[in-house]
Protein backbone atom coordinates (compact mmCIF):
# COMPACT_ATOMS: atom_id res chain seq x y z
CA MET A 1 -0.06 0.13 0.22
CA ASN A 2 1.51 3.16 -0.65
CA THR A 3 1.73 5.36 2.34
CA LYS A 4 2.78 8.48 0.52
CA ASN A 5 1.14 11.86 1.54
CA LYS A 6 -0.06 13.85 -1.27
CA SER A 7 -0.27 17.25 -0.84
CA ALA A 8 -2.63 20.10 -2.45
CA PHE A 9 -2.74 24.15 -2.52
CA VAL A 10 -4.77 26.10 -1.18
CA CYS A 11 -6.39 29.41 -1.60
CA ASN A 12 -5.46 31.38 1.48
CA GLU A 13 -8.23 34.59 0.53
CA CYS A 14 -11.41 31.86 -0.47
CA GLY A 15 -10.13 28.19 0.36
CA ALA A 16 -9.90 27.05 -3.14
CA ASP A 17 -8.04 23.83 -4.01
CA SER A 18 -5.75 23.24 -7.01
CA LYS A 19 -3.62 20.23 -7.81
CA LYS A 20 -0.55 22.40 -8.34
CA TRP A 21 0.93 25.61 -7.16
CA GLN A 22 0.12 28.85 -9.61
CA GLY A 23 0.87 32.53 -9.06
CA GLN A 24 -3.24 33.27 -9.26
CA CYS A 25 -5.74 31.89 -7.52
CA ALA A 26 -8.39 30.69 -10.73
CA GLU A 27 -11.06 31.49 -8.45
CA CYS A 28 -11.28 34.70 -6.58
CA GLY A 29 -8.10 36.14 -8.34
CA ALA A 30 -6.07 36.41 -5.49
CA TRP A 31 -1.96 36.84 -6.37
CA ASN A 32 0.82 34.58 -4.30
CA SER A 33 -1.94 33.18 -1.90
CA LEU A 34 -2.00 29.57 -2.45
CA SER A 35 -0.04 27.75 -0.12
CA GLU A 36 0.55 23.44 0.17
CA VAL A 37 -1.09 21.47 2.05
CA ARG A 38 -0.30 17.88 3.36
CA LEU A 39 -2.75 15.75 3.15
CA GLY A 40 -2.62 12.53 5.55
CA PRO A 41 -4.74 9.62 5.56
CA THR A 42 -8.41 9.69 5.74
CA PRO A 43 -8.98 10.60 10.07
CA THR A 44 -11.06 7.74 12.05
CA ASN A 45 -11.93 9.67 15.16
CA ARG A 46 -13.50 13.17 12.78
CA ALA A 47 -16.95 12.30 13.53
CA ALA A 48 -16.62 11.96 17.22
CA LYS A 49 -20.21 12.44 19.36
CA PHE A 50 -20.65 14.55 22.21
CA GLU A 51 -23.04 14.39 24.85
CA GLY A 52 -24.86 16.54 27.21
CA TYR A 53 -27.28 18.62 25.04
CA ALA A 54 -30.41 17.47 22.25
CA GLY A 55 -31.81 20.95 22.40
CA GLY A 56 -30.57 22.47 19.48
CA ALA A 57 -30.86 19.10 17.04
CA SER A 58 -33.78 17.14 15.85
CA GLY A 59 -32.46 14.36 14.20
CA ASN A 60 -32.66 12.53 11.13
CA LYS A 61 -36.57 13.52 11.36
CA VAL A 62 -38.13 15.15 8.92
CA GLN A 63 -40.39 17.85 9.70
CA THR A 64 -42.38 20.48 8.30
CA LEU A 65 -41.74 24.41 8.66
CA ALA A 66 -45.49 24.02 10.88
CA GLU A 67 -43.88 21.67 12.48
CA ILE A 68 -40.55 23.20 14.06
CA SER A 69 -41.33 25.16 17.46
CA LEU A 70 -40.86 28.67 16.95
CA HIS A 71 -40.12 28.88 20.58
CA ASP A 72 -37.53 31.90 21.78
CA VAL A 73 -34.47 31.20 21.35
CA PRO A 74 -32.54 31.23 24.88
CA ARG A 75 -29.75 33.93 25.87
CA PHE A 76 -27.97 34.89 28.41
CA THR A 77 -26.28 37.66 29.54
CA SER A 78 -22.21 38.52 28.69
CA GLY A 79 -22.35 40.84 31.70
CA ALA A 80 -21.69 44.18 29.41
CA GLY A 81 -24.76 46.05 27.51
CA GLU A 82 -22.60 47.11 24.83
CA PHE A 83 -20.86 43.36 23.72
CA ASP A 84 -24.84 41.82 24.48
CA ARG A 85 -25.82 44.77 21.94
CA VAL A 86 -23.49 42.68 19.32
CA LEU A 87 -24.65 39.72 20.23
CA GLY A 88 -28.40 40.67 19.55
CA GLY A 89 -29.12 39.95 22.99
CA GLY A 90 -26.31 37.88 24.61
CA PHE A 91 -25.02 34.57 23.93
CA VAL A 92 -26.88 31.70 22.75
CA PRO A 93 -26.33 28.13 23.90
CA GLY A 94 -24.85 25.94 21.13
CA SER A 95 -23.62 28.86 19.10
CA VAL A 96 -19.97 29.79 17.83
CA VAL A 97 -18.52 33.45 18.17
CA LEU A 98 -15.64 34.45 16.52
CA ILE A 99 -13.82 38.01 17.68
CA GLY A 100 -10.82 39.22 15.24
CA GLY A 101 -8.77 42.02 16.40
CA HIS A 102 -5.47 43.57 15.65
CA PRO A 103 -3.14 42.75 18.76
CA GLY A 104 -2.82 44.95 21.25
CA ALA A 105 -6.47 45.52 20.90
CA GLY A 106 -8.08 43.82 23.62
CA LYS A 107 -9.40 40.73 22.30
CA SER A 108 -8.22 38.90 25.47
CA THR A 109 -8.91 41.20 27.51
CA LEU A 110 -12.57 41.88 27.43
CA LEU A 111 -12.72 38.27 27.07
CA LEU A 112 -11.07 37.46 30.47
CA GLN A 113 -13.21 39.77 31.71
CA THR A 114 -16.62 38.09 30.35
CA LEU A 115 -15.57 34.78 31.34
CA CYS A 116 -14.81 35.95 34.87
CA PHE A 117 -18.23 37.57 35.38
CA LEU A 118 -20.20 34.30 33.79
CA ALA A 119 -18.28 32.01 36.00
CA GLY A 120 -19.83 33.36 39.03
CA ASN A 121 -23.30 31.68 37.49
CA MET A 122 -22.14 28.67 35.07
CA PRO A 123 -19.04 26.54 34.75
CA ALA A 124 -16.90 28.39 32.00
CA LEU A 125 -13.37 27.28 30.43
CA TYR A 126 -10.72 29.83 29.56
CA VAL A 127 -8.44 27.70 27.15
CA THR A 128 -4.95 29.57 26.34
CA GLY A 129 -2.65 28.19 23.55
CA GLU A 130 -0.79 31.72 23.07
CA GLU A 131 -0.40 32.41 26.56
CA SER A 132 0.90 30.82 29.89
CA LEU A 133 -1.53 30.18 32.65
CA GLN A 134 0.82 32.72 34.93
CA GLN A 135 -0.23 35.54 32.16
CA VAL A 136 -3.49 35.10 32.53
CA ALA A 137 -3.43 35.27 35.71
CA MET A 138 -1.21 38.35 36.06
CA ARG A 139 -3.48 40.20 34.02
CA ALA A 140 -6.58 39.23 35.93
CA GLN A 141 -4.76 40.51 39.30
CA ARG A 142 -3.98 43.41 37.31
CA LEU A 143 -7.78 44.21 36.83
CA GLY A 144 -9.03 43.21 39.82
CA LEU A 145 -11.01 40.47 38.40
CA PRO A 146 -12.53 37.35 40.91
CA THR A 147 -10.21 34.30 39.80
CA ASP A 148 -11.96 31.72 42.21
CA LYS A 149 -14.08 30.55 39.57
CA LEU A 150 -13.07 30.47 35.97
CA GLN A 151 -11.39 27.41 35.23
CA MET A 152 -8.04 27.75 33.00
CA LEU A 153 -6.61 25.39 30.56
CA SER A 154 -3.35 25.56 28.41
CA GLU A 155 -3.70 23.47 25.75
CA THR A 156 -3.27 23.48 21.81
CA SER A 157 -4.45 20.47 21.02
CA VAL A 158 -7.95 20.49 19.89
CA GLU A 159 -9.06 16.56 20.72
CA ALA A 160 -7.45 17.12 24.14
CA ILE A 161 -9.50 20.62 24.78
CA CYS A 162 -13.17 18.88 23.57
CA ALA A 163 -11.71 15.72 25.65
CA ILE A 164 -11.55 17.57 28.62
CA ALA A 165 -13.97 19.89 27.73
CA GLN A 166 -16.54 17.35 27.60
CA LYS A 167 -15.72 16.07 31.66
CA ILE A 168 -16.14 19.25 33.11
CA ALA A 169 -18.80 20.81 30.63
CA PRO A 170 -18.64 24.40 30.61
CA LYS A 171 -21.23 26.22 29.52
CA VAL A 172 -19.30 28.53 27.59
CA MET A 173 -15.72 28.19 26.41
CA VAL A 174 -12.88 30.48 25.02
CA VAL A 175 -10.01 29.08 22.75
CA ASP A 176 -7.42 31.64 22.49
CA SER A 177 -6.75 31.22 19.30
CA ILE A 178 -8.12 29.27 16.37
CA GLN A 179 -4.48 29.88 14.87
CA VAL A 180 -2.45 28.22 17.27
CA VAL A 181 -4.61 25.29 17.79
CA TYR A 182 -3.92 22.27 15.98
CA MET A 183 -5.14 18.38 15.09
CA GLU A 184 -3.26 15.58 15.53
CA ASP A 185 -3.93 13.73 12.24
CA ILE A 186 -3.12 16.60 10.15
CA SER A 187 0.31 16.40 9.19
CA SER A 188 0.28 20.66 8.62
CA ALA A 189 1.38 23.70 10.80
CA PRO A 190 -0.88 25.37 13.29
CA GLY A 191 -2.11 28.54 11.68
CA SER A 192 -2.23 26.56 8.10
CA VAL A 193 -5.46 26.36 5.91
CA SER A 194 -6.40 22.80 6.46
CA GLN A 195 -5.45 23.09 10.30
CA VAL A 196 -7.65 26.41 10.72
CA ARG A 197 -10.68 24.65 9.06
CA GLU A 198 -10.71 21.43 10.48
CA SER A 199 -9.94 23.02 13.61
CA ALA A 200 -12.75 24.96 13.72
CA ALA A 201 -15.29 22.60 12.22
CA TYR A 202 -14.68 19.66 14.79
CA LEU A 203 -15.42 23.03 17.46
CA THR A 204 -18.06 24.24 15.95
CA ARG A 205 -19.40 20.29 16.41
CA PHE A 206 -18.36 20.36 19.83
CA ALA A 207 -20.36 23.31 20.18
CA LYS A 208 -23.57 21.68 18.43
CA GLN A 209 -23.41 18.57 20.22
CA THR A 210 -23.11 19.74 23.94
CA GLY A 211 -24.75 23.36 23.41
CA THR A 212 -21.69 24.82 24.37
CA VAL A 213 -20.98 28.88 23.73
CA VAL A 214 -17.58 28.95 21.83
CA ILE A 215 -15.75 32.01 21.42
CA LEU A 216 -12.64 31.55 19.26
CA VAL A 217 -10.16 34.53 19.24
CA GLY A 218 -8.46 34.91 15.47
CA HIS A 219 -5.74 37.02 13.97
CA VAL A 220 -6.07 39.48 11.65
CA THR A 221 -3.95 40.58 8.43
CA LYS A 222 -2.16 43.33 7.64
CA ASP A 223 -5.45 44.90 6.05
CA GLY A 224 -7.34 44.47 8.80
CA SER A 225 -9.22 41.61 7.78
CA LEU A 226 -10.08 37.98 9.53
CA ALA A 227 -6.88 35.11 9.13
CA GLY A 228 -7.73 32.11 7.47
CA PRO A 229 -9.30 31.01 4.68
CA LYS A 230 -12.97 32.44 3.91
CA VAL A 231 -14.65 29.22 5.06
CA LEU A 232 -14.15 29.54 8.25
CA GLU A 233 -16.39 32.46 8.02
CA HIS A 234 -18.82 30.54 7.02
CA MET A 235 -18.82 28.06 9.87
CA ILE A 236 -19.58 29.99 12.82
CA ASP A 237 -22.10 31.96 13.95
CA CYS A 238 -21.39 35.15 14.52
CA SER A 239 -18.36 37.34 13.35
CA ILE A 240 -17.17 40.35 15.78
CA LEU A 241 -14.55 42.65 14.80
CA LEU A 242 -12.77 43.97 17.66
CA GLU A 243 -11.17 47.83 16.10
CA GLY A 244 -8.92 50.83 18.25
CA ASP A 245 -6.13 52.75 17.19
CA ASN A 246 -3.26 51.84 19.49
CA ASP A 247 -3.02 55.54 20.76
CA SER A 248 -6.72 56.07 21.13
CA ARG A 249 -8.87 54.78 24.13
CA PHE A 250 -11.55 54.12 22.91
CA ARG A 251 -12.55 50.22 21.21
CA THR A 252 -15.22 49.45 18.94
CA LEU A 253 -16.83 46.02 18.54
CA ARG A 254 -18.25 45.34 15.14
CA GLY A 255 -20.95 42.76 13.98
CA SER A 256 -20.38 41.65 10.27
CA LYS A 257 -22.26 38.33 11.11
CA ASN A 258 -25.24 37.10 13.47
CA ARG A 259 -27.32 34.54 12.66
CA PHE A 260 -28.98 35.34 16.03
CA GLY A 261 -28.86 39.30 15.26
CA ALA A 262 -28.65 42.17 13.44
CA VAL A 263 -25.63 42.92 11.52
CA ASN A 264 -23.27 45.66 11.92
CA GLU A 265 -23.77 46.50 15.47
CA LEU A 266 -21.76 48.40 16.61
CA GLY A 267 -20.53 48.19 20.74
CA VAL A 268 -18.20 51.19 21.74
CA PHE A 269 -15.61 50.16 24.94
CA ALA A 270 -13.20 52.60 26.56
CA MET A 271 -9.67 50.73 27.81
CA THR A 272 -9.08 51.51 31.32
CA GLU A 273 -6.43 50.21 33.79
CA GLN A 274 -9.12 48.36 35.11
CA GLY A 275 -9.95 46.83 31.76
CA MET A 276 -12.38 47.65 29.17
CA ARG A 277 -15.37 49.57 30.45
CA GLU A 278 -18.85 50.19 27.98
CA VAL A 279 -19.61 53.53 26.71
CA ASN A 280 -23.54 53.83 27.03
CA ASN A 281 -23.77 56.82 25.31
CA PRO A 282 -21.02 57.01 22.67
CA SER A 283 -22.43 59.94 20.55
CA ALA A 284 -21.12 62.36 23.76
CA ILE A 285 -17.73 61.02 23.36
CA PHE A 286 -17.92 61.44 19.28
CA LEU A 287 -19.01 64.81 19.98
CA GLN A 288 -16.41 66.30 21.98
CA ARG A 289 -15.61 69.75 19.61
CA ALA A 290 -12.78 71.84 19.95
CA GLU A 291 -14.00 74.97 21.91
CA GLN A 292 -12.39 77.34 19.16
CA GLU A 293 -15.27 77.36 16.07
CA SER A 294 -13.37 76.56 12.95
CA SER A 295 -14.49 76.11 9.33
CA GLY A 296 -14.17 72.38 7.54
CA SER A 297 -16.85 71.01 11.00
CA VAL A 298 -20.18 69.29 10.47
CA VAL A 299 -22.01 67.11 12.32
CA MET A 300 -24.09 64.06 11.22
CA VAL A 301 -26.08 61.17 12.46
CA MET A 302 -25.29 57.79 10.83
CA TRP A 303 -26.90 54.85 11.94
CA GLU A 304 -25.21 51.87 13.42
CA GLY A 305 -27.23 48.24 13.40
CA THR A 306 -29.78 49.37 15.66
CA ARG A 307 -29.20 52.81 17.29
CA PRO A 308 -28.72 56.39 15.86
CA LEU A 309 -24.88 57.38 16.39
CA LEU A 310 -23.76 61.45 16.40
CA ILE A 311 -20.22 62.08 14.91
CA GLU A 312 -18.21 64.74 13.78
CA ILE A 313 -16.98 64.96 10.00
CA GLN A 314 -14.07 67.54 9.39
CA ALA A 315 -12.81 68.65 5.44
CA LEU A 316 -9.56 70.18 4.90
CA VAL A 317 -9.66 71.50 1.34
CA ASP A 318 -5.97 73.25 0.76
CA ASP A 319 -4.09 74.93 -2.25
CA SER A 320 -2.18 71.34 -4.26
CA HIS A 321 1.45 71.98 -5.12
CA LEU A 322 0.86 68.41 -6.97
CA GLY A 323 0.33 68.28 -10.80
CA ASN A 324 -2.21 65.27 -9.15
CA PRO A 325 -4.09 66.97 -6.42
CA ARG A 326 -4.93 64.40 -3.53
CA ARG A 327 -7.96 63.10 -2.32
CA VAL A 328 -7.48 61.58 1.42
CA ALA A 329 -10.90 59.78 3.35
CA VAL A 330 -9.83 58.20 7.21
CA GLY A 331 -13.03 56.40 8.21
CA MET A 332 -14.88 56.13 4.88
CA ASP A 333 -14.46 54.74 0.68
CA GLN A 334 -11.75 57.08 -1.03
CA VAL A 335 -13.51 56.41 -3.77
CA ARG A 336 -16.79 57.67 -2.82
CA LEU A 337 -15.18 61.13 -2.10
CA SER A 338 -14.11 61.42 -5.36
CA MET A 339 -17.16 60.80 -6.66
CA LEU A 340 -19.18 63.31 -4.36
CA LEU A 341 -16.31 65.72 -5.92
CA ALA A 342 -17.31 65.51 -9.25
CA VAL A 343 -20.83 65.79 -8.12
CA LEU A 344 -20.19 69.23 -6.22
CA HIS A 345 -18.62 70.59 -9.41
CA ARG A 346 -21.64 69.86 -11.56
CA HIS A 347 -24.23 70.30 -9.76
CA GLY A 348 -23.09 72.62 -7.13
CA GLY A 349 -20.76 74.58 -9.23
CA ILE A 350 -17.75 74.30 -6.98
CA MET A 351 -14.43 73.66 -8.52
CA VAL A 352 -12.07 71.73 -6.55
CA GLY A 353 -9.94 70.15 -9.13
CA ASP A 354 -6.36 72.15 -8.30
CA GLN A 355 -7.66 71.33 -4.23
CA ASP A 356 -6.07 68.93 -1.98
CA VAL A 357 -9.12 67.69 -0.03
CA PHE A 358 -9.09 65.78 3.16
CA VAL A 359 -11.95 64.13 5.18
CA ASN A 360 -11.89 62.65 8.47
CA VAL A 361 -14.36 61.21 10.43
CA VAL A 362 -13.48 61.87 13.90
CA GLY A 363 -13.03 59.47 17.23
CA GLY A 364 -11.94 56.23 14.62
CA VAL A 365 -15.02 55.36 13.61
CA ARG A 366 -15.36 53.78 10.03
CA VAL A 367 -18.88 55.33 8.09
CA MET A 368 -20.07 52.52 6.16
CA GLU A 369 -23.72 54.30 4.58
CA THR A 370 -24.43 56.95 2.29
CA SER A 371 -25.88 59.08 4.62
CA ALA A 372 -23.02 61.11 5.15
CA ASP A 373 -22.96 62.33 1.62
CA LEU A 374 -24.48 65.66 2.40
CA ALA A 375 -22.13 66.44 5.41
CA VAL A 376 -19.05 65.43 3.71
CA LEU A 377 -19.75 67.54 0.89
CA LEU A 378 -21.02 70.84 3.09
CA ALA A 379 -17.67 69.99 5.25
CA ILE A 380 -15.91 70.68 2.27
CA VAL A 381 -17.68 73.94 0.75
CA SER A 382 -17.26 75.19 4.56
CA SER A 383 -13.54 74.46 3.99
CA PHE A 384 -13.15 75.94 0.78
CA ARG A 385 -15.10 79.31 1.41
CA ASP A 386 -13.63 79.56 4.84
CA ARG A 387 -17.19 79.85 6.33
CA ILE A 388 -17.79 78.59 9.88
CA LEU A 389 -21.39 76.31 9.82
CA PRO A 390 -23.38 76.77 13.16
CA GLN A 391 -22.16 74.49 15.79
CA ASP A 392 -25.80 73.73 16.97
CA LEU A 393 -26.41 72.28 12.71
CA MET A 394 -27.13 68.84 12.18
CA VAL A 395 -26.74 67.12 8.29
CA PHE A 396 -27.81 63.76 6.93
CA GLY A 397 -28.40 62.91 3.56
CA GLU A 398 -27.52 60.37 0.55
CA VAL A 399 -26.36 62.35 -2.80
CA GLY A 400 -27.00 61.62 -6.30
CA LEU A 401 -24.95 61.16 -9.65
CA SER A 402 -27.57 64.08 -10.50
CA GLY A 403 -27.77 66.10 -7.51
CA GLU A 404 -30.81 64.99 -6.13
CA ILE A 405 -30.49 64.53 -2.38
CA ARG A 406 -32.19 61.08 -1.52
CA PRO A 407 -33.70 59.76 1.67
CA VAL A 408 -31.92 57.07 4.25
CA PRO A 409 -33.65 54.79 6.46
CA SER A 410 -34.52 56.07 10.09
CA GLY A 411 -34.76 59.55 9.35
CA GLN A 412 -37.26 60.40 12.29
CA GLU A 413 -35.25 58.56 15.00
CA ARG A 414 -31.95 60.54 13.69
CA LEU A 415 -34.00 63.75 14.12
CA ARG A 416 -34.55 62.44 17.74
CA GLU A 417 -31.19 61.88 18.67
CA ALA A 418 -29.86 65.02 17.47
CA ALA A 419 -32.43 66.89 19.35
CA LYS A 420 -32.00 65.01 22.56
CA HIS A 421 -27.86 66.69 22.52
CA GLY A 422 -29.31 70.11 21.88
CA PHE A 423 -29.03 70.68 18.08
CA LYS A 424 -31.38 73.47 16.70
CA LYS A 425 -31.39 72.91 13.06
CA ALA A 426 -31.29 70.40 10.85
CA ILE A 427 -30.74 70.20 6.61
CA ILE A 428 -32.38 66.42 6.03
CA PRO A 429 -33.69 65.18 2.38
CA PHE A 430 -37.32 66.47 1.91
CA ALA A 431 -38.34 62.88 1.84
CA ASN A 432 -37.28 62.05 5.41
CA ALA A 433 -39.21 65.55 6.34
CA PRO A 434 -41.34 64.76 9.60
CA ARG A 435 -45.38 65.61 8.93
CA GLU A 436 -45.45 67.07 12.42
CA LYS A 437 -42.89 69.69 13.82
CA THR A 438 -40.35 67.74 15.98
CA VAL A 439 -39.89 69.72 19.10
CA GLY A 440 -36.75 71.57 19.86
CA ILE A 441 -35.34 71.62 16.20
CA GLU A 442 -35.87 73.62 13.25
CA VAL A 443 -35.44 71.19 10.04
CA ILE A 444 -34.93 72.33 6.46
CA ALA A 445 -35.84 69.48 3.95
CA VAL A 446 -34.13 70.12 0.57
CA LYS A 447 -34.11 67.89 -2.62
CA SER A 448 -31.16 68.94 -4.65
CA LEU A 449 -27.65 69.50 -3.68
CA GLN A 450 -28.08 73.36 -4.78
CA GLU A 451 -30.88 73.81 -2.37
CA ALA A 452 -28.83 72.36 0.29
CA LEU A 453 -26.01 74.93 -0.13
CA ASP A 454 -28.89 78.04 -0.54
CA ALA A 455 -29.87 76.98 3.10
CA LEU A 456 -26.17 77.74 4.47
């Protein structure tokens, strides 16, 4: 019998495999993304059975949709309201949550705080593969966390982790991280495509069959996306990214996938000496404007998940000494900035083709929606004309290529959020104008970019 191990080449971006190495992946088109994976013999213990939970399984019985029970999904809190918001209301038994972030973002700190809180009410297991048990204990002591209930384990073998967890029967388990654990029947190194994929599949099966909440810590690439094969994000139930600059004490927890709640939900934390502290009113933090008024600054209301959020957008327009003026956008899409500048020239009569344009979203928040279009253009015009906009002005609206101001979702909730924080005037799309007068705020509804400019 031929015992020689075969090999395949797997794309690190999309997970597609090929029989031979090639410079470009034939499926997703990524360059230099194929890595060799050794294929060992067919494993015999891959279909391990775990006992202890039958709540999410219905066996092999075929049922109609009418026969399926529609009772509420049971949840339990993580101890932090902002974390629960991103999760969709708390942890669901049997779910798998993947948390990624840059080194030093606070992933281990946040999860250690969460596990120490949960250990007081239920069995909890923290598995560390990157740090020693002494390092984790020192962090817990520095943060002043209760250490008498949380169970710790230093192990990197997935089979050994699940065997120990089967005996302990925890309700929630953290694996830190998925890139350092391995399966013994796969010959490739930990962190490779095959190891990450098979380890995550084994832990997911353990979570579903035992009802344990499994939280996986993942690394990120240099562009900020989760490392490993793309199939990893399809296996898990909830994918969360912890973002934040090293020079800022604020961290944002953003959900990009959630089978049990809303996606693109945002939670805000502050990194302190006592660990991660949740911020219940993030609008008050992002609106810490300078005491001295200046041009190029305007406030808008963005919609994050299920709540409005007030942020400040700044713009700087300056004479360019280069042949190709710069267009720099921090916190928003740079291609969309170029498109908005073209609309401003064509339908607003303001040409900044010979100017450097810089746009920044204050606070490190990234704007993912189009409601910031009108605010960006008014901030650019304010800086270009050196005209100071009123401090009590709030703006939102999408700008079309023909210069029309298009409506955005949840317009009434945005207005109420602005009025609650003391804003007196709002420039909004005509279709978002309230039928009844909003208390405490003057609404200026506009249909085109030219009307918005005239309203200033």
